[in-house]
N, C-alpha and C. Protein backbone atom coordinates (compact mmCIF):
# COMPACT_ATOMS: atom_id res chain seq x y z
N UNK A 1 120.07 65.80 92.21
CA UNK A 1 120.46 65.03 93.37
C UNK A 1 121.89 65.38 93.76
N UNK A 2 122.30 66.55 93.45
CA UNK A 2 123.64 67.00 93.79
C UNK A 2 123.87 66.96 95.29
N UNK A 3 125.01 66.46 95.69
CA UNK A 3 125.43 66.43 97.08
C UNK A 3 124.55 65.53 97.95
N UNK A 4 123.98 64.47 97.38
CA UNK A 4 123.23 63.52 98.20
C UNK A 4 124.20 62.80 99.12
N UNK A 5 123.84 62.71 100.40
CA UNK A 5 124.70 62.07 101.39
C UNK A 5 123.95 60.94 102.06
N UNK A 6 124.67 59.89 102.38
CA UNK A 6 124.07 58.78 103.11
C UNK A 6 123.56 59.30 104.44
N UNK A 7 122.29 59.02 104.73
CA UNK A 7 121.73 59.50 105.98
C UNK A 7 121.21 58.38 106.88
N UNK A 8 120.85 57.23 106.29
CA UNK A 8 120.24 56.15 107.07
C UNK A 8 120.39 54.84 106.34
N UNK A 9 120.68 53.78 107.07
CA UNK A 9 120.57 52.42 106.54
C UNK A 9 119.49 51.75 107.37
N UNK A 10 118.48 51.24 106.69
CA UNK A 10 117.28 50.69 107.34
C UNK A 10 117.28 49.17 107.19
N UNK A 11 117.09 48.45 108.30
CA UNK A 11 117.06 47.00 108.29
C UNK A 11 115.69 46.49 108.71
N UNK A 12 114.97 45.79 107.81
CA UNK A 12 113.73 45.14 108.22
C UNK A 12 114.05 43.93 109.08
N UNK A 13 113.17 43.63 110.02
CA UNK A 13 113.47 42.54 110.96
C UNK A 13 112.24 41.68 111.22
N UNK A 14 112.45 40.36 111.20
CA UNK A 14 111.38 39.44 111.58
C UNK A 14 111.12 39.53 113.09
N UNK A 15 112.16 39.79 113.85
CA UNK A 15 112.06 39.95 115.29
C UNK A 15 112.73 41.29 115.64
N UNK A 16 111.96 42.40 115.64
CA UNK A 16 112.54 43.72 115.86
C UNK A 16 113.33 43.86 117.15
N UNK A 17 112.88 43.23 118.24
CA UNK A 17 113.62 43.34 119.50
C UNK A 17 114.99 42.68 119.39
N UNK A 18 115.04 41.52 118.75
CA UNK A 18 116.32 40.83 118.54
C UNK A 18 117.24 41.69 117.67
N UNK A 19 116.68 42.29 116.62
CA UNK A 19 117.48 43.14 115.73
C UNK A 19 117.97 44.39 116.47
N UNK A 20 117.13 44.97 117.31
CA UNK A 20 117.56 46.14 118.09
C UNK A 20 118.72 45.78 119.01
N UNK A 21 118.63 44.63 119.69
CA UNK A 21 119.73 44.20 120.56
C UNK A 21 121.01 44.01 119.76
N UNK A 22 120.89 43.37 118.58
CA UNK A 22 122.06 43.13 117.75
C UNK A 22 122.72 44.45 117.34
N UNK A 23 121.96 45.35 116.73
CA UNK A 23 122.54 46.59 116.21
C UNK A 23 122.99 47.51 117.34
N UNK A 24 122.27 47.54 118.44
CA UNK A 24 122.70 48.35 119.59
C UNK A 24 124.03 47.85 120.12
N UNK A 25 124.15 46.52 120.23
CA UNK A 25 125.38 45.93 120.73
C UNK A 25 126.54 46.12 119.77
N UNK A 26 126.30 45.92 118.48
CA UNK A 26 127.37 46.06 117.50
C UNK A 26 127.86 47.50 117.39
N UNK A 27 126.93 48.45 117.40
CA UNK A 27 127.29 49.85 117.23
C UNK A 27 127.55 50.59 118.52
N UNK A 28 127.27 49.93 119.66
CA UNK A 28 127.37 50.56 120.96
C UNK A 28 126.57 51.87 120.97
N UNK A 29 125.34 51.78 120.47
CA UNK A 29 124.45 52.94 120.38
C UNK A 29 123.01 52.45 120.53
N UNK A 30 122.22 53.18 121.28
CA UNK A 30 120.82 52.81 121.47
C UNK A 30 120.00 53.15 120.23
N UNK A 31 119.08 52.27 119.88
CA UNK A 31 118.10 52.54 118.84
C UNK A 31 116.83 52.95 119.56
N UNK A 32 116.48 54.21 119.45
CA UNK A 32 115.34 54.78 120.15
C UNK A 32 114.09 54.76 119.28
N UNK A 33 112.89 54.72 119.89
CA UNK A 33 111.66 54.79 119.08
C UNK A 33 111.64 56.07 118.25
N UNK A 34 111.14 55.93 117.03
CA UNK A 34 111.03 57.09 116.15
C UNK A 34 109.90 57.99 116.61
N UNK A 35 110.06 59.27 116.36
CA UNK A 35 109.06 60.25 116.72
C UNK A 35 108.06 60.49 115.60
N UNK A 36 107.11 61.39 115.83
CA UNK A 36 106.11 61.71 114.82
C UNK A 36 106.78 62.17 113.52
N UNK A 37 106.28 61.65 112.40
CA UNK A 37 106.80 62.02 111.10
C UNK A 37 108.05 61.28 110.68
N UNK A 38 108.57 60.38 111.54
CA UNK A 38 109.81 59.65 111.22
C UNK A 38 109.54 58.23 110.75
N UNK A 39 108.30 57.80 110.69
CA UNK A 39 107.99 56.43 110.30
C UNK A 39 107.98 55.51 111.51
N UNK A 40 107.79 54.23 111.24
CA UNK A 40 107.72 53.24 112.31
C UNK A 40 109.10 52.66 112.61
N UNK A 41 109.29 52.19 113.83
CA UNK A 41 110.52 51.51 114.19
C UNK A 41 111.39 52.33 115.11
N UNK A 42 112.69 52.06 115.06
CA UNK A 42 113.68 52.64 115.96
C UNK A 42 114.91 53.02 115.15
N UNK A 43 115.68 53.97 115.66
CA UNK A 43 116.94 54.29 115.00
C UNK A 43 117.89 54.99 115.95
N UNK A 44 119.16 54.98 115.54
CA UNK A 44 120.18 55.70 116.30
C UNK A 44 119.98 57.19 116.08
N UNK A 45 120.77 58.01 116.74
CA UNK A 45 120.63 59.46 116.70
C UNK A 45 120.77 60.09 115.33
N UNK A 46 120.77 61.41 115.32
CA UNK A 46 120.83 62.19 114.10
C UNK A 46 122.13 61.95 113.34
N UNK A 47 122.15 62.36 112.10
CA UNK A 47 123.32 62.15 111.26
C UNK A 47 123.18 60.86 110.50
N UNK A 48 124.28 60.19 110.25
CA UNK A 48 124.23 58.90 109.59
C UNK A 48 123.71 57.88 110.59
N UNK A 49 122.51 57.37 110.34
CA UNK A 49 121.82 56.54 111.32
C UNK A 49 121.62 55.12 110.82
N UNK A 50 121.36 54.23 111.77
CA UNK A 50 120.93 52.87 111.49
C UNK A 50 119.54 52.74 112.06
N UNK A 51 118.62 52.19 111.27
CA UNK A 51 117.24 52.00 111.70
C UNK A 51 116.80 50.56 111.59
N UNK A 52 115.82 50.20 112.41
CA UNK A 52 115.23 48.87 112.40
C UNK A 52 113.71 49.04 112.42
N UNK A 53 113.02 48.23 111.64
CA UNK A 53 111.56 48.22 111.69
C UNK A 53 111.06 46.79 111.43
N UNK A 54 109.84 46.53 111.85
CA UNK A 54 109.26 45.20 111.65
C UNK A 54 109.13 44.92 110.15
N UNK A 55 109.51 43.74 109.75
CA UNK A 55 109.40 43.35 108.34
C UNK A 55 107.93 43.33 107.95
N UNK A 56 107.64 43.81 106.77
CA UNK A 56 106.28 43.82 106.26
C UNK A 56 106.27 43.44 104.80
N UNK A 57 105.28 43.93 104.07
CA UNK A 57 105.15 43.59 102.66
C UNK A 57 105.40 44.77 101.73
N UNK A 58 105.77 45.90 102.27
CA UNK A 58 105.98 47.09 101.45
C UNK A 58 107.31 47.07 100.72
N UNK A 59 107.54 48.06 99.85
CA UNK A 59 108.77 48.08 99.05
C UNK A 59 110.05 48.26 99.86
N UNK A 60 109.96 48.79 101.07
CA UNK A 60 111.14 48.95 101.89
C UNK A 60 111.24 47.91 102.98
N UNK A 61 110.46 46.85 102.87
CA UNK A 61 110.37 45.87 103.95
C UNK A 61 111.05 44.54 103.66
N UNK A 62 111.68 44.39 102.51
CA UNK A 62 112.25 43.12 102.11
C UNK A 62 113.76 43.06 102.31
N UNK A 63 114.46 44.15 102.02
CA UNK A 63 115.92 44.20 102.06
C UNK A 63 116.36 45.38 102.91
N UNK A 64 117.62 45.36 103.33
CA UNK A 64 118.16 46.56 103.98
C UNK A 64 118.28 47.64 102.91
N UNK A 65 118.03 48.87 103.32
CA UNK A 65 118.04 49.98 102.37
C UNK A 65 118.93 51.11 102.87
N UNK A 66 119.85 51.56 102.02
CA UNK A 66 120.52 52.82 102.35
C UNK A 66 119.62 53.96 101.92
N UNK A 67 119.51 54.97 102.75
CA UNK A 67 118.75 56.18 102.41
C UNK A 67 119.73 57.32 102.19
N UNK A 68 119.48 58.10 101.16
CA UNK A 68 120.31 59.26 100.86
C UNK A 68 119.51 60.53 101.11
N UNK A 69 120.11 61.47 101.82
CA UNK A 69 119.46 62.75 102.11
C UNK A 69 119.50 63.62 100.85
N UNK A 70 118.36 64.19 100.50
CA UNK A 70 118.26 65.08 99.34
C UNK A 70 117.50 66.34 99.73
N UNK A 71 117.77 67.42 99.05
CA UNK A 71 117.09 68.68 99.34
C UNK A 71 115.75 68.78 98.63
N UNK A 72 115.63 68.20 97.45
CA UNK A 72 114.43 68.34 96.61
C UNK A 72 114.00 66.96 96.13
N UNK A 73 112.91 66.44 96.69
CA UNK A 73 112.47 65.09 96.34
C UNK A 73 112.06 64.99 94.88
N UNK A 74 111.29 65.94 94.37
CA UNK A 74 110.83 65.86 92.99
C UNK A 74 112.00 65.84 92.01
N UNK A 75 112.97 66.72 92.21
CA UNK A 75 114.14 66.77 91.33
C UNK A 75 114.95 65.48 91.44
N UNK A 76 115.07 64.95 92.64
CA UNK A 76 115.87 63.74 92.85
C UNK A 76 115.21 62.52 92.22
N UNK A 77 113.90 62.41 92.35
CA UNK A 77 113.17 61.29 91.74
C UNK A 77 113.27 61.39 90.22
N UNK A 78 113.17 62.58 89.69
CA UNK A 78 113.31 62.78 88.24
C UNK A 78 114.70 62.36 87.78
N UNK A 79 115.72 62.70 88.56
CA UNK A 79 117.09 62.34 88.21
C UNK A 79 117.28 60.83 88.22
N UNK A 80 116.69 60.15 89.20
CA UNK A 80 116.77 58.68 89.25
C UNK A 80 116.24 58.10 87.94
N UNK A 81 115.10 58.58 87.51
CA UNK A 81 114.49 58.07 86.28
C UNK A 81 115.31 58.43 85.04
N UNK A 82 115.86 59.65 85.00
CA UNK A 82 116.70 60.08 83.87
C UNK A 82 117.92 59.18 83.72
N UNK A 83 118.44 58.68 84.84
CA UNK A 83 119.64 57.85 84.82
C UNK A 83 119.34 56.36 84.61
N UNK A 84 118.07 56.02 84.38
CA UNK A 84 117.73 54.63 84.11
C UNK A 84 117.25 53.85 85.30
N UNK A 85 117.07 54.52 86.43
CA UNK A 85 116.53 53.87 87.61
C UNK A 85 115.01 53.93 87.59
N UNK A 86 114.40 53.46 88.65
CA UNK A 86 112.94 53.50 88.74
C UNK A 86 112.50 53.90 90.14
N UNK A 87 111.29 54.39 90.22
CA UNK A 87 110.71 54.79 91.50
C UNK A 87 109.66 53.75 91.85
N UNK A 88 109.88 53.04 92.94
CA UNK A 88 108.98 51.98 93.38
C UNK A 88 107.84 52.56 94.21
N UNK A 89 108.18 53.48 95.09
CA UNK A 89 107.19 54.10 95.98
C UNK A 89 107.53 55.58 96.13
N UNK A 90 106.84 56.45 95.37
CA UNK A 90 107.12 57.88 95.50
C UNK A 90 106.49 58.43 96.78
N UNK A 91 107.14 59.42 97.34
CA UNK A 91 106.59 60.04 98.54
C UNK A 91 107.09 61.47 98.69
N UNK A 92 106.47 62.20 99.58
CA UNK A 92 106.86 63.58 99.82
C UNK A 92 108.15 63.71 100.61
N UNK A 93 108.28 62.90 101.70
CA UNK A 93 109.49 62.96 102.53
C UNK A 93 110.43 61.79 102.26
N UNK A 94 109.89 60.64 101.86
CA UNK A 94 110.67 59.45 101.56
C UNK A 94 110.19 58.86 100.26
N UNK A 95 111.11 58.33 99.49
CA UNK A 95 110.78 57.58 98.28
C UNK A 95 111.68 56.36 98.23
N UNK A 96 111.13 55.25 97.74
CA UNK A 96 111.90 54.04 97.53
C UNK A 96 112.14 53.92 96.04
N UNK A 97 113.40 53.70 95.67
CA UNK A 97 113.78 53.63 94.26
C UNK A 97 114.61 52.38 94.01
N UNK A 98 114.88 52.13 92.73
CA UNK A 98 115.84 51.10 92.33
C UNK A 98 116.81 51.73 91.35
N UNK A 99 118.06 51.32 91.46
CA UNK A 99 119.06 51.83 90.52
C UNK A 99 118.89 51.13 89.17
N UNK A 100 119.78 51.43 88.24
CA UNK A 100 119.69 50.86 86.89
C UNK A 100 119.85 49.35 86.88
N UNK A 101 120.38 48.76 87.96
CA UNK A 101 120.58 47.32 88.05
C UNK A 101 119.53 46.63 88.92
N UNK A 102 118.56 47.39 89.41
CA UNK A 102 117.50 46.81 90.22
C UNK A 102 117.75 46.81 91.71
N UNK A 103 118.83 47.43 92.18
CA UNK A 103 119.13 47.48 93.61
C UNK A 103 118.29 48.56 94.28
N UNK A 104 117.58 48.21 95.36
CA UNK A 104 116.73 49.19 96.02
C UNK A 104 117.52 50.16 96.91
N UNK A 105 117.02 51.39 97.00
CA UNK A 105 117.56 52.40 97.91
C UNK A 105 116.47 53.43 98.17
N UNK A 106 116.68 54.22 99.20
CA UNK A 106 115.69 55.24 99.55
C UNK A 106 116.26 56.64 99.43
N UNK A 107 115.37 57.58 99.25
CA UNK A 107 115.69 59.01 99.30
C UNK A 107 114.89 59.61 100.43
N UNK A 108 115.48 60.51 101.18
CA UNK A 108 114.80 61.18 102.29
C UNK A 108 115.12 62.66 102.23
N UNK A 109 114.09 63.48 102.37
CA UNK A 109 114.29 64.92 102.36
C UNK A 109 115.05 65.32 103.61
N UNK A 110 116.15 66.03 103.42
CA UNK A 110 116.92 66.50 104.57
C UNK A 110 116.23 67.72 105.18
N UNK A 111 116.29 67.78 106.48
CA UNK A 111 115.64 68.90 107.18
C UNK A 111 116.55 70.08 107.30
């Protein structure tokens, strides 16, 4: 997981439109609908982004999650486990993990 960089902070929302208005206003940036392969919801432009999606029951739907960009998902997930963390939801492009203290975070393959 060498050189992992923050790429996205994702906020689940009970009212996605209200959350979009809030984050758009606070950041002075539009949250646009995500495209194919980007998941559900909306987010600001490329780089370090803020995203919003409808709250659900999945592992990334309960708390806000910082996502870290990684080059190799398999190696990064292995490193999380080696360091005492856990993988809640493994995936090819995105994985949801917990650190050694139980704090959730995501990994996303950088393009």
